Amino acid sequence: MEVQALTKYARMSPKKVNEVARVIRGKQATDALDLLKFIPRKSAALISKTLQSAIANAENNHDLSADNLTVDKAIIEMGPALKRFKAAARGGVAKRRKRMSHIRIVLTDNA
């Protein structure tokens, strides 16, 4: 059975979040949580929170044990971007795109 959790509008670039998401794909859910505690990046905290939510969904809604869950997919999708401007040389303007991402984690039971 597949169980998922979704965090929308996370204020971090999808490229940065995807670097950490690659680490946990295919791992046991509890092992992935332990691994994320030792990665010193903001994106690791965001993914950890989403993973904990997916584990809670599995335990409460589907009566599955956290020990039997595996991270099947960790999908990072592009969210909307905030468009900002910063002063540039000679009175010009430089565009800034502050990107957001949607984090989707899908867990499966080993059975």
N, C-alpha and C. Protein backbone atom coordinates (compact mmCIF):
# COMPACT_ATOMS: atom_id res chain seq x y z
N MET A 1 0.84 -1.18 0.00
CA MET A 1 0.00 0.00 0.00
C MET A 1 0.89 1.25 0.00
N GLU A 2 0.48 2.23 -0.75
CA GLU A 2 1.23 3.47 -0.82
C GLU A 2 0.61 4.53 0.07
N VAL A 3 1.46 5.25 0.78
CA VAL A 3 1.03 6.34 1.65
C VAL A 3 1.89 7.54 1.28
N GLN A 4 1.28 8.72 1.24
CA GLN A 4 2.08 9.88 0.85
C GLN A 4 1.81 11.08 1.75
N ALA A 5 2.75 12.01 1.73
CA ALA A 5 2.61 13.30 2.40
C ALA A 5 3.14 14.36 1.46
N LEU A 6 2.58 15.55 1.55
CA LEU A 6 2.92 16.62 0.63
C LEU A 6 3.12 17.92 1.41
N THR A 7 4.24 18.57 1.17
CA THR A 7 4.49 19.91 1.69
C THR A 7 4.52 20.85 0.51
N LYS A 8 3.62 21.83 0.51
CA LYS A 8 3.55 22.75 -0.61
C LYS A 8 4.15 24.09 -0.21
N TYR A 9 4.66 24.78 -1.21
CA TYR A 9 5.20 26.13 -1.07
C TYR A 9 6.35 26.22 -0.07
N ALA A 10 7.23 25.25 -0.07
CA ALA A 10 8.43 25.30 0.77
C ALA A 10 9.35 26.36 0.18
N ARG A 11 9.81 27.28 0.99
CA ARG A 11 10.55 28.44 0.51
C ARG A 11 12.03 28.09 0.29
N MET A 12 12.27 27.16 -0.62
CA MET A 12 13.62 26.77 -0.98
C MET A 12 13.61 26.28 -2.42
N SER A 13 14.69 26.52 -3.10
CA SER A 13 14.82 26.13 -4.50
C SER A 13 14.72 24.61 -4.66
N PRO A 14 13.99 24.13 -5.66
CA PRO A 14 13.87 22.69 -5.87
C PRO A 14 15.22 22.00 -6.11
N LYS A 15 16.14 22.71 -6.71
CA LYS A 15 17.46 22.14 -6.96
C LYS A 15 18.18 21.80 -5.65
N LYS A 16 18.07 22.69 -4.67
CA LYS A 16 18.71 22.47 -3.38
C LYS A 16 18.03 21.34 -2.60
N VAL A 17 16.71 21.28 -2.68
CA VAL A 17 15.96 20.25 -1.95
C VAL A 17 16.22 18.88 -2.59
N ASN A 18 16.33 18.84 -3.90
CA ASN A 18 16.51 17.57 -4.60
C ASN A 18 17.85 16.92 -4.28
N GLU A 19 18.88 17.72 -3.95
CA GLU A 19 20.17 17.16 -3.57
C GLU A 19 20.05 16.28 -2.33
N VAL A 20 19.23 16.69 -1.38
CA VAL A 20 19.04 15.92 -0.15
C VAL A 20 18.05 14.78 -0.39
N ALA A 21 17.05 15.01 -1.24
CA ALA A 21 16.04 13.98 -1.49
C ALA A 21 16.64 12.75 -2.14
N ARG A 22 17.70 12.93 -2.94
CA ARG A 22 18.36 11.80 -3.58
C ARG A 22 18.92 10.82 -2.56
N VAL A 23 19.31 11.33 -1.41
CA VAL A 23 19.95 10.50 -0.39
C VAL A 23 18.98 9.48 0.20
N ILE A 24 17.70 9.84 0.35
CA ILE A 24 16.77 8.97 1.09
C ILE A 24 15.96 8.03 0.21
N ARG A 25 16.01 8.20 -1.11
CA ARG A 25 15.20 7.34 -1.97
C ARG A 25 15.62 5.88 -1.83
N GLY A 26 14.63 5.00 -1.62
CA GLY A 26 14.89 3.57 -1.54
C GLY A 26 15.29 3.08 -0.16
N LYS A 27 15.42 3.97 0.82
CA LYS A 27 15.84 3.57 2.16
C LYS A 27 14.63 3.27 3.04
N GLN A 28 14.85 2.56 4.14
CA GLN A 28 13.81 2.35 5.14
C GLN A 28 13.43 3.72 5.73
N ALA A 29 12.16 3.90 6.07
CA ALA A 29 11.68 5.21 6.53
C ALA A 29 12.38 5.63 7.82
N THR A 30 12.55 4.71 8.76
CA THR A 30 13.20 5.07 10.03
C THR A 30 14.68 5.37 9.82
N ASP A 31 15.33 4.64 8.93
CA ASP A 31 16.74 4.91 8.63
C ASP A 31 16.89 6.27 7.93
N ALA A 32 15.96 6.59 7.07
CA ALA A 32 16.01 7.87 6.36
C ALA A 32 15.85 9.03 7.34
N LEU A 33 14.96 8.87 8.33
CA LEU A 33 14.79 9.92 9.35
C LEU A 33 16.08 10.13 10.13
N ASP A 34 16.73 9.03 10.52
CA ASP A 34 17.99 9.14 11.26
C ASP A 34 19.06 9.80 10.40
N LEU A 35 19.09 9.48 9.13
CA LEU A 35 20.08 10.03 8.23
C LEU A 35 19.88 11.53 8.05
N LEU A 36 18.63 11.97 7.96
CA LEU A 36 18.33 13.39 7.75
C LEU A 36 18.72 14.26 8.94
N LYS A 37 18.77 13.66 10.13
CA LYS A 37 19.14 14.43 11.33
C LYS A 37 20.58 14.93 11.25
N PHE A 38 21.42 14.22 10.51
CA PHE A 38 22.85 14.55 10.47
C PHE A 38 23.26 15.31 9.21
N ILE A 39 22.30 15.69 8.38
CA ILE A 39 22.61 16.48 7.19
C ILE A 39 22.38 17.95 7.55
N PRO A 40 23.43 18.77 7.56
CA PRO A 40 23.31 20.15 8.05
C PRO A 40 22.79 21.14 7.00
N ARG A 41 21.61 20.88 6.47
CA ARG A 41 21.03 21.77 5.47
C ARG A 41 19.58 22.05 5.83
N LYS A 42 19.10 23.21 5.44
CA LYS A 42 17.71 23.58 5.70
C LYS A 42 16.76 22.61 4.99
N SER A 43 17.13 22.17 3.80
CA SER A 43 16.27 21.27 3.04
C SER A 43 16.11 19.92 3.75
N ALA A 44 17.11 19.50 4.52
CA ALA A 44 17.00 18.24 5.26
C ALA A 44 15.91 18.34 6.32
N ALA A 45 15.79 19.49 6.95
CA ALA A 45 14.74 19.69 7.95
C ALA A 45 13.36 19.68 7.29
N LEU A 46 13.24 20.29 6.10
CA LEU A 46 11.96 20.30 5.40
C LEU A 46 11.54 18.90 4.98
N ILE A 47 12.49 18.12 4.46
CA ILE A 47 12.19 16.75 4.03
C ILE A 47 11.87 15.88 5.23
N SER A 48 12.59 16.09 6.33
CA SER A 48 12.36 15.31 7.55
C SER A 48 10.93 15.52 8.06
N LYS A 49 10.49 16.76 8.04
CA LYS A 49 9.14 17.07 8.50
C LYS A 49 8.08 16.39 7.63
N THR A 50 8.30 16.39 6.32
CA THR A 50 7.37 15.74 5.40
C THR A 50 7.39 14.23 5.58
N LEU A 51 8.58 13.67 5.80
CA LEU A 51 8.70 12.23 6.02
C LEU A 51 8.01 11.80 7.31
N GLN A 52 8.14 12.60 8.36
CA GLN A 52 7.44 12.29 9.61
C GLN A 52 5.93 12.33 9.41
N SER A 53 5.46 13.25 8.60
CA SER A 53 4.03 13.33 8.29
C SER A 53 3.56 12.10 7.53
N ALA A 54 4.37 11.63 6.58
CA ALA A 54 4.00 10.44 5.81
C ALA A 54 3.96 9.21 6.72
N ILE A 55 4.90 9.10 7.65
CA ILE A 55 4.90 7.98 8.60
C ILE A 55 3.67 8.03 9.49
N ALA A 56 3.32 9.23 9.96
CA ALA A 56 2.13 9.39 10.80
C ALA A 56 0.86 9.05 10.02
N ASN A 57 0.81 9.41 8.73
CA ASN A 57 -0.34 9.06 7.89
C ASN A 57 -0.47 7.54 7.78
N ALA A 58 0.66 6.85 7.62
CA ALA A 58 0.63 5.40 7.49
C ALA A 58 0.15 4.74 8.78
N GLU A 59 0.64 5.24 9.93
CA GLU A 59 0.28 4.63 11.20
C GLU A 59 -1.17 4.91 11.59
N ASN A 60 -1.64 6.14 11.37
CA ASN A 60 -2.97 6.52 11.84
C ASN A 60 -4.08 6.18 10.86
N ASN A 61 -3.83 6.34 9.57
CA ASN A 61 -4.90 6.15 8.60
C ASN A 61 -4.96 4.75 8.00
N HIS A 62 -3.81 4.04 8.00
CA HIS A 62 -3.76 2.75 7.33
C HIS A 62 -3.28 1.62 8.22
N ASP A 63 -3.05 1.88 9.51
CA ASP A 63 -2.63 0.87 10.49
C ASP A 63 -1.38 0.12 10.05
N LEU A 64 -0.39 0.83 9.54
CA LEU A 64 0.88 0.22 9.14
C LEU A 64 1.95 0.56 10.17
N SER A 65 2.93 -0.30 10.30
CA SER A 65 4.03 -0.07 11.23
C SER A 65 5.15 0.72 10.53
N ALA A 66 5.76 1.64 11.26
CA ALA A 66 6.84 2.46 10.68
C ALA A 66 8.06 1.62 10.33
N ASP A 67 8.23 0.47 10.99
CA ASP A 67 9.40 -0.38 10.74
C ASP A 67 9.33 -1.06 9.37
N ASN A 68 8.13 -1.20 8.82
CA ASN A 68 7.96 -1.91 7.55
C ASN A 68 7.85 -0.98 6.35
N LEU A 69 8.07 0.31 6.55
CA LEU A 69 7.88 1.28 5.46
C LEU A 69 9.20 1.62 4.77
N THR A 70 9.12 1.79 3.46
CA THR A 70 10.27 2.16 2.64
C THR A 70 9.92 3.43 1.86
N VAL A 71 10.90 4.31 1.70
CA VAL A 71 10.70 5.52 0.90
C VAL A 71 10.73 5.10 -0.57
N ASP A 72 9.56 5.04 -1.19
CA ASP A 72 9.45 4.63 -2.58
C ASP A 72 9.86 5.78 -3.50
N LYS A 73 9.29 6.96 -3.25
CA LYS A 73 9.57 8.13 -4.08
C LYS A 73 9.75 9.35 -3.18
N ALA A 74 10.68 10.19 -3.54
CA ALA A 74 10.82 11.51 -2.92
C ALA A 74 10.86 12.49 -4.08
N ILE A 75 9.70 13.05 -4.40
CA ILE A 75 9.55 13.88 -5.58
C ILE A 75 9.57 15.35 -5.18
N ILE A 76 10.43 16.11 -5.83
CA ILE A 76 10.51 17.54 -5.59
C ILE A 76 10.01 18.25 -6.84
N GLU A 77 8.92 19.00 -6.69
CA GLU A 77 8.31 19.67 -7.83
C GLU A 77 8.52 21.18 -7.72
N MET A 78 8.53 21.84 -8.86
CA MET A 78 8.70 23.28 -8.90
C MET A 78 7.41 23.97 -8.48
N GLY A 79 7.52 24.88 -7.53
CA GLY A 79 6.38 25.68 -7.12
C GLY A 79 6.44 27.04 -7.80
N PRO A 80 5.62 27.97 -7.38
CA PRO A 80 5.68 29.31 -7.96
C PRO A 80 6.94 30.05 -7.50
N ALA A 81 7.30 31.07 -8.22
CA ALA A 81 8.48 31.86 -7.87
C ALA A 81 8.05 33.29 -7.55
N LEU A 82 8.61 33.84 -6.47
CA LEU A 82 8.38 35.24 -6.16
C LEU A 82 9.32 36.06 -7.03
N LYS A 83 8.80 37.07 -7.69
CA LYS A 83 9.62 37.90 -8.56
C LYS A 83 9.97 39.18 -7.82
N ARG A 84 11.26 39.38 -7.62
CA ARG A 84 11.76 40.54 -6.90
C ARG A 84 12.81 41.26 -7.75
N PHE A 85 13.12 42.49 -7.37
CA PHE A 85 14.12 43.27 -8.10
C PHE A 85 15.15 43.80 -7.13
N LYS A 86 16.38 43.90 -7.60
CA LYS A 86 17.47 44.43 -6.79
C LYS A 86 18.21 45.48 -7.63
N ALA A 87 18.70 46.51 -6.95
CA ALA A 87 19.43 47.55 -7.65
C ALA A 87 20.70 46.99 -8.28
N ALA A 88 20.99 47.41 -9.50
CA ALA A 88 22.17 46.94 -10.21
C ALA A 88 23.04 48.15 -10.59
N ALA A 89 24.09 47.89 -11.28
CA ALA A 89 25.05 48.93 -11.63
C ALA A 89 24.43 49.98 -12.56
N ARG A 90 24.90 51.20 -12.42
CA ARG A 90 24.52 52.31 -13.28
C ARG A 90 23.02 52.56 -13.31
N GLY A 91 22.38 52.42 -12.18
CA GLY A 91 20.95 52.73 -12.07
C GLY A 91 20.04 51.69 -12.67
N GLY A 92 20.56 50.53 -12.95
CA GLY A 92 19.74 49.48 -13.55
C GLY A 92 19.05 48.62 -12.49
N VAL A 93 18.36 47.62 -12.98
CA VAL A 93 17.62 46.72 -12.10
C VAL A 93 17.96 45.28 -12.49
N ALA A 94 18.19 44.45 -11.48
CA ALA A 94 18.44 43.03 -11.72
C ALA A 94 17.26 42.22 -11.18
N LYS A 95 16.77 41.29 -11.99
CA LYS A 95 15.64 40.47 -11.56
C LYS A 95 16.12 39.38 -10.62
N ARG A 96 15.32 39.07 -9.62
CA ARG A 96 15.57 37.96 -8.71
C ARG A 96 14.34 37.08 -8.70
N ARG A 97 14.55 35.78 -8.82
CA ARG A 97 13.44 34.84 -8.72
C ARG A 97 13.65 34.00 -7.48
N LYS A 98 12.80 34.19 -6.48
CA LYS A 98 12.89 33.41 -5.25
C LYS A 98 11.99 32.20 -5.42
N ARG A 99 12.60 31.06 -5.65
CA ARG A 99 11.87 29.86 -6.02
C ARG A 99 11.29 29.13 -4.82
N MET A 100 10.18 28.42 -5.08
CA MET A 100 9.55 27.57 -4.08
C MET A 100 9.45 26.16 -4.62
N SER A 101 9.25 25.21 -3.72
CA SER A 101 9.15 23.83 -4.16
C SER A 101 8.03 23.13 -3.40
N HIS A 102 7.52 22.07 -4.03
CA HIS A 102 6.56 21.17 -3.40
C HIS A 102 7.27 19.85 -3.16
N ILE A 103 7.20 19.35 -1.93
CA ILE A 103 7.89 18.12 -1.56
C ILE A 103 6.84 17.02 -1.38
N ARG A 104 6.96 15.94 -2.16
CA ARG A 104 6.04 14.82 -2.06
C ARG A 104 6.85 13.57 -1.73
N ILE A 105 6.48 12.91 -0.62
CA ILE A 105 7.15 11.67 -0.22
C ILE A 105 6.13 10.54 -0.22
N VAL A 106 6.45 9.48 -0.94
CA VAL A 106 5.57 8.31 -1.05
C VAL A 106 6.25 7.14 -0.37
N LEU A 107 5.56 6.53 0.60
CA LEU A 107 6.08 5.37 1.32
C LEU A 107 5.29 4.12 0.89
N THR A 108 5.98 2.99 0.88
CA THR A 108 5.30 1.72 0.62
C THR A 108 5.67 0.74 1.73
N ASP A 109 4.76 -0.19 1.98
CA ASP A 109 5.09 -1.25 2.94
C ASP A 109 5.79 -2.37 2.19
N ASN A 110 6.60 -3.10 2.91
CA ASN A 110 7.43 -4.13 2.26
C ASN A 110 6.66 -5.37 1.88
N ALA A 111 5.44 -5.52 2.37
CA ALA A 111 4.66 -6.73 2.10
C ALA A 111 4.20 -6.80 0.67
